[in-house]
Amino acid sequence: MTITTEEDQFLKRILTLLDSARPYESLTQSDSKQWRVQRGSALAGDDAKTDPYQVSHNAWNALSVAVDHLHCFRSTFADDPQDNSVSITLHTHGQYSLLRGAFENSARAVWMLGPAQRLVRVQRRLCTQAGEHKNSDRMRALLQQQPKRPLDVRMQQLTDLVVKAGTDLADAKKALRPAKYSEIVRAAGSLTPMGANEAEAVWSSCSSLAHGDVYGTLSILERSVVGTQGRVNLMQITSSPKVLFWATDRTVAMMRRGFDLFKERATCHR
């Protein structure tokens, strides 16, 4: 009888999860045509209200970026994770950076596609674009480049679109306020079984490790004292397969929800 450690069991579960998500890689290839929106579908109506900043384009881009991060995450374990002769590599921080990218982009797609009301979906797409405009201007300033159109002209275009979609003019500025990712992941989490609190916990945990925050390192990773220097303990930090499985499981679940919502909104049900 083969006895495996708890660490081995969690690693196998992680690899099984990642294997189940591999079909999404083929979905996001350009020749899959899965990004197409059917006439008469909810997304077709959303896209008409937000042209040229289509909801479907932005949501599909978010899902594609999420898949890319998850694919890269899978490749960090080994060239062929299913080959039992290959040693599996666990990283203390880098793998969580990739999970963060996969989780928050999946959450952005869920956040944008999830609301039942078209106006909310339109507002979320356009407020995202408002953030893109402002960030683009900051980048261009750093690179000493001039935008093709002034920011106020581009923002007025978004205001016109959001008002035409049904937002009161007095509320347009508030509607175009870019959402924080903490807000996005919580709202997306509320549309999944994990709920808002756990969704934020996953994203925040991955973010803290991506930033190298000490509180995240000490509270999430496994550690052991290897020595002391006066009042300071010297710690050896290692990855926790159990926590990594938890973050991977929730990331794949968020991605699955995003693709399901896209298919639902892009299909004409008449």
Protein backbone atom coordinates (compact mmCIF):
# COMPACT_ATOMS: atom_id res chain seq x y z
CA MET A 1 0.00 0.00 0.00
CA THR A 2 1.32 3.41 -0.98
CA ILE A 3 1.14 6.03 1.74
CA THR A 4 1.20 9.63 0.58
CA THR A 5 1.76 12.66 2.74
CA GLU A 6 -0.87 15.37 3.14
CA GLU A 7 1.37 17.62 1.01
CA ASP A 8 1.33 15.07 -1.83
CA GLN A 9 -2.45 14.82 -1.63
CA PHE A 10 -2.93 18.56 -1.94
CA LEU A 11 -0.46 18.73 -4.83
CA LYS A 12 -2.39 16.03 -6.68
CA ARG A 13 -5.63 17.92 -6.08
CA ILE A 14 -4.07 21.12 -7.42
CA LEU A 15 -2.87 19.37 -10.57
CA THR A 16 -6.29 17.76 -11.06
CA LEU A 17 -7.92 21.20 -10.79
CA LEU A 18 -5.51 22.70 -13.30
CA ASP A 19 -6.07 19.82 -15.66
CA SER A 20 -9.84 20.40 -15.49
CA ALA A 21 -9.26 24.05 -16.47
CA ARG A 22 -7.11 23.28 -19.52
CA PRO A 23 -10.06 23.36 -21.97
CA TYR A 24 -10.32 27.11 -21.31
CA GLU A 25 -6.96 27.53 -23.04
CA SER A 26 -8.44 26.34 -26.34
CA LEU A 27 -11.56 28.48 -25.82
CA THR A 28 -9.50 31.66 -25.70
CA GLN A 29 -7.66 30.93 -28.94
CA SER A 30 -8.77 33.30 -31.70
CA ASP A 31 -10.00 30.50 -33.96
CA SER A 32 -12.36 29.09 -31.32
CA LYS A 33 -15.01 31.72 -32.20
CA GLN A 34 -16.30 31.40 -28.63
CA TRP A 35 -15.95 35.16 -28.22
CA ARG A 36 -18.66 35.81 -30.80
CA VAL A 37 -21.92 37.32 -29.59
CA GLN A 38 -25.22 36.16 -31.09
CA ARG A 39 -27.66 38.72 -32.46
CA GLY A 40 -30.55 39.27 -30.08
CA SER A 41 -28.52 38.19 -27.04
CA ALA A 42 -28.11 40.22 -23.86
CA LEU A 43 -24.49 40.97 -24.73
CA ALA A 44 -25.45 42.16 -28.20
CA GLY A 45 -27.67 44.75 -26.54
CA ASP A 46 -24.94 45.67 -24.06
CA ASP A 47 -22.41 46.11 -26.86
CA ALA A 48 -24.76 48.40 -28.78
CA LYS A 49 -25.07 50.66 -25.72
CA THR A 50 -21.30 50.85 -25.13
CA ASP A 51 -19.90 50.97 -28.68
CA PRO A 52 -16.94 51.36 -29.26
CA TYR A 53 -16.18 50.04 -25.75
CA GLN A 54 -18.12 46.79 -26.06
CA VAL A 55 -18.90 44.88 -22.88
CA SER A 56 -18.22 41.55 -24.58
CA HIS A 57 -14.76 42.58 -25.76
CA ASN A 58 -13.65 43.67 -22.32
CA ALA A 59 -15.13 40.65 -20.54
CA TRP A 60 -13.56 38.21 -23.00
CA ASN A 61 -10.22 39.99 -22.68
CA ALA A 62 -10.40 39.62 -18.89
CA LEU A 63 -11.10 35.89 -19.23
CA SER A 64 -8.27 35.48 -21.73
CA VAL A 65 -5.82 37.22 -19.40
CA ALA A 66 -7.04 35.04 -16.52
CA VAL A 67 -6.46 31.89 -18.57
CA ASP A 68 -2.98 33.07 -19.52
CA HIS A 69 -2.06 33.56 -15.86
CA LEU A 70 -3.45 30.15 -14.90
CA HIS A 71 -1.58 28.48 -17.76
CA CYS A 72 1.63 30.13 -16.61
CA PHE A 73 0.86 29.05 -13.02
CA ARG A 74 0.48 25.45 -14.17
CA SER A 75 3.83 25.56 -15.96
CA THR A 76 5.65 26.57 -12.76
CA PHE A 77 5.15 23.12 -11.26
CA ALA A 78 6.94 21.13 -13.98
CA ASP A 79 7.12 20.76 -17.76
CA ASP A 80 4.71 17.84 -17.45
CA PRO A 81 2.99 17.86 -14.04
CA GLN A 82 1.38 14.48 -14.76
CA ASP A 83 4.78 12.81 -15.10
CA ASN A 84 5.39 11.20 -11.72
CA SER A 85 9.14 11.11 -12.36
CA VAL A 86 9.32 14.90 -12.49
CA SER A 87 9.83 16.77 -9.25
CA ILE A 88 7.21 19.38 -8.43
CA THR A 89 8.38 22.87 -7.53
CA LEU A 90 6.57 25.02 -4.98
CA HIS A 91 7.33 28.73 -4.77
CA THR A 92 6.66 30.79 -1.68
CA HIS A 93 5.44 33.94 -3.45
CA GLY A 94 5.64 33.81 -7.25
CA GLN A 95 2.87 31.27 -7.78
CA TYR A 96 0.45 33.38 -5.75
CA SER A 97 1.23 36.34 -8.01
CA LEU A 98 0.01 34.30 -10.97
CA LEU A 99 -3.08 33.12 -9.10
CA ARG A 100 -3.87 36.72 -8.24
CA GLY A 101 -3.81 37.66 -11.92
CA ALA A 102 -6.06 34.73 -12.79
CA PHE A 103 -8.47 35.40 -9.93
CA GLU A 104 -8.91 39.15 -10.30
CA ASN A 105 -9.35 39.01 -14.08
CA SER A 106 -11.90 36.22 -13.74
CA ALA A 107 -13.63 38.28 -11.07
CA ARG A 108 -13.71 41.33 -13.35
CA ALA A 109 -15.54 39.31 -16.01
CA VAL A 110 -18.03 38.00 -13.42
CA TRP A 111 -18.51 41.49 -11.96
CA MET A 112 -19.21 42.94 -15.40
CA LEU A 113 -21.44 40.17 -16.74
CA GLY A 114 -23.21 39.11 -13.56
CA PRO A 115 -25.81 41.85 -12.94
CA ALA A 116 -29.27 41.12 -14.33
CA GLN A 117 -29.86 44.78 -15.22
CA ARG A 118 -28.38 45.97 -18.51
CA LEU A 119 -27.77 49.47 -17.16
CA VAL A 120 -25.54 48.12 -14.39
CA ARG A 121 -23.52 46.06 -16.86
CA VAL A 122 -23.14 49.09 -19.11
CA GLN A 123 -22.11 51.32 -16.20
CA ARG A 124 -19.51 48.82 -15.06
CA ARG A 125 -18.01 48.57 -18.51
CA LEU A 126 -17.86 52.33 -18.95
CA CYS A 127 -16.43 53.02 -15.49
CA THR A 128 -13.70 50.52 -16.33
CA GLN A 129 -12.97 52.48 -19.48
CA ALA A 130 -12.83 55.70 -17.48
CA GLY A 131 -10.09 54.14 -15.40
CA GLU A 132 -8.31 53.01 -18.56
CA HIS A 133 -8.39 56.57 -19.94
CA LYS A 134 -6.94 58.06 -16.76
CA ASN A 135 -4.25 55.40 -16.38
CA SER A 136 -3.34 55.76 -20.05
CA ASP A 137 -2.82 59.49 -19.60
CA ARG A 138 -0.58 58.94 -16.58
CA MET A 139 1.50 56.43 -18.55
CA ARG A 140 1.81 58.78 -21.50
CA ALA A 141 2.92 61.58 -19.19
CA LEU A 142 5.67 59.37 -17.80
CA LEU A 143 6.76 58.51 -21.35
CA GLN A 144 6.46 62.17 -22.39
CA GLN A 145 3.86 61.35 -25.02
CA GLN A 146 0.69 63.17 -26.01
CA PRO A 147 -2.67 61.36 -26.25
CA LYS A 148 -4.47 61.41 -29.59
CA ARG A 149 -7.53 62.95 -27.92
CA PRO A 150 -7.64 65.07 -24.74
CA LEU A 151 -8.86 63.31 -21.62
CA ASP A 152 -11.87 65.60 -21.22
CA VAL A 153 -13.05 64.72 -24.74
CA ARG A 154 -12.78 61.00 -24.04
CA MET A 155 -14.51 61.35 -20.69
CA GLN A 156 -17.34 63.34 -22.29
CA GLN A 157 -17.84 60.48 -24.73
CA LEU A 158 -18.26 58.08 -21.79
CA THR A 159 -20.65 60.49 -20.09
CA ASP A 160 -22.76 60.69 -23.24
CA LEU A 161 -22.87 56.90 -23.50
CA VAL A 162 -23.78 56.25 -19.87
CA VAL A 163 -26.52 58.91 -19.93
CA LYS A 164 -27.93 57.63 -23.21
CA ALA A 165 -28.04 54.13 -21.66
CA GLY A 166 -30.36 55.41 -18.93
CA THR A 167 -28.24 57.01 -16.20
CA ASP A 168 -29.41 60.37 -14.85
CA LEU A 169 -27.02 63.14 -15.87
CA ALA A 170 -26.60 64.11 -12.20
CA ASP A 171 -25.41 60.56 -11.45
CA ALA A 172 -23.11 60.16 -14.45
CA LYS A 173 -19.90 61.19 -12.68
CA LYS A 174 -20.55 58.73 -9.84
CA ALA A 175 -21.42 55.97 -12.32
CA LEU A 176 -18.10 56.47 -14.11
CA ARG A 177 -16.01 56.31 -10.95
CA PRO A 178 -13.53 53.45 -11.51
CA ALA A 179 -14.15 50.56 -9.13
CA LYS A 180 -11.43 49.30 -6.81
CA TYR A 181 -10.43 45.67 -7.20
CA SER A 182 -11.50 44.97 -3.64
CA GLU A 183 -15.01 46.10 -4.67
CA ILE A 184 -14.87 44.06 -7.86
CA VAL A 185 -13.83 40.79 -6.22
CA ARG A 186 -16.40 41.16 -3.45
CA ALA A 187 -19.22 41.81 -5.90
CA ALA A 188 -18.05 38.90 -8.07
CA GLY A 189 -17.77 36.63 -5.05
CA SER A 190 -21.37 37.38 -4.11
CA LEU A 191 -22.35 35.88 -7.47
CA THR A 192 -20.62 32.57 -6.64
CA PRO A 193 -21.00 30.01 -3.83
CA MET A 194 -17.80 31.27 -2.16
CA GLY A 195 -19.42 34.60 -1.28
CA ALA A 196 -17.98 38.10 -1.00
CA ASN A 197 -15.82 37.60 2.11
CA GLU A 198 -14.02 34.51 0.86
CA ALA A 199 -13.49 36.02 -2.57
CA GLU A 200 -11.82 39.04 -1.00
CA ALA A 201 -9.80 36.74 1.27
CA VAL A 202 -8.44 34.82 -1.74
CA TRP A 203 -7.56 37.97 -3.65
CA SER A 204 -6.11 39.72 -0.61
CA SER A 205 -4.00 36.69 0.35
CA CYS A 206 -2.54 36.38 -3.14
CA SER A 207 -1.99 40.15 -3.34
CA SER A 208 -0.17 40.30 -0.01
CA LEU A 209 2.24 37.60 -1.15
CA ALA A 210 2.67 39.22 -4.57
CA HIS A 211 3.66 42.44 -2.76
CA GLY A 212 5.92 40.60 -0.33
CA ASP A 213 3.97 41.92 2.64
CA VAL A 214 5.24 40.53 5.94
CA TYR A 215 1.76 40.00 7.38
CA GLY A 216 0.82 37.84 4.41
CA THR A 217 4.05 35.89 4.52
CA LEU A 218 3.66 35.11 8.23
CA SER A 219 -0.06 34.37 8.19
CA ILE A 220 -0.37 32.39 4.95
CA LEU A 221 2.88 30.47 4.48
CA GLU A 222 4.34 27.72 6.64
CA ARG A 223 7.23 28.74 8.87
CA SER A 224 9.61 27.33 11.44
CA VAL A 225 12.11 29.01 13.74
CA VAL A 226 15.70 28.14 12.82
CA GLY A 227 17.51 30.55 15.12
CA THR A 228 17.36 33.78 17.09
CA GLN A 229 19.18 37.08 17.07
CA GLY A 230 18.43 38.82 20.32
CA ARG A 231 14.67 39.42 20.38
CA VAL A 232 14.26 38.46 16.72
CA ASN A 233 13.38 34.94 15.54
CA LEU A 234 14.96 33.76 12.29
CA MET A 235 12.32 31.92 10.26
CA GLN A 236 12.42 29.42 7.44
CA ILE A 237 9.47 30.09 5.13
CA THR A 238 7.97 27.41 2.87
CA SER A 239 4.85 27.23 0.73
CA SER A 240 1.68 25.69 2.13
CA PRO A 241 0.18 23.14 -0.32
CA LYS A 242 -3.10 23.33 1.58
CA VAL A 243 -3.41 27.10 1.16
CA LEU A 244 -2.21 26.89 -2.45
CA PHE A 245 -4.93 24.34 -3.18
CA TRP A 246 -7.55 26.59 -1.58
CA ALA A 247 -6.50 29.58 -3.69
CA THR A 248 -6.33 27.46 -6.85
CA ASP A 249 -9.74 25.90 -6.23
CA ARG A 250 -11.42 29.29 -5.78
CA THR A 251 -9.61 30.74 -8.78
CA VAL A 252 -10.78 27.95 -11.08
CA ALA A 253 -14.31 28.33 -9.68
CA MET A 254 -14.31 32.07 -10.43
CA MET A 255 -12.99 31.44 -13.93
CA ARG A 256 -15.65 28.82 -14.58
CA ARG A 257 -18.34 31.25 -13.45
CA GLY A 258 -16.96 33.89 -15.80
CA PHE A 259 -17.07 31.62 -18.84
CA ASP A 260 -20.55 30.37 -17.93
CA LEU A 261 -21.84 33.93 -17.65
CA PHE A 262 -20.28 34.91 -20.96
CA LYS A 263 -21.92 31.98 -22.72
CA GLU A 264 -25.26 32.79 -21.10
CA ARG A 265 -25.16 36.49 -22.00
CA ALA A 266 -23.80 35.90 -25.54
CA THR A 267 -26.52 33.38 -26.46
CA CYS A 268 -29.87 34.42 -27.89
CA HIS A 269 -32.52 32.56 -25.88
CA ARG A 270 -35.52 33.42 -28.04
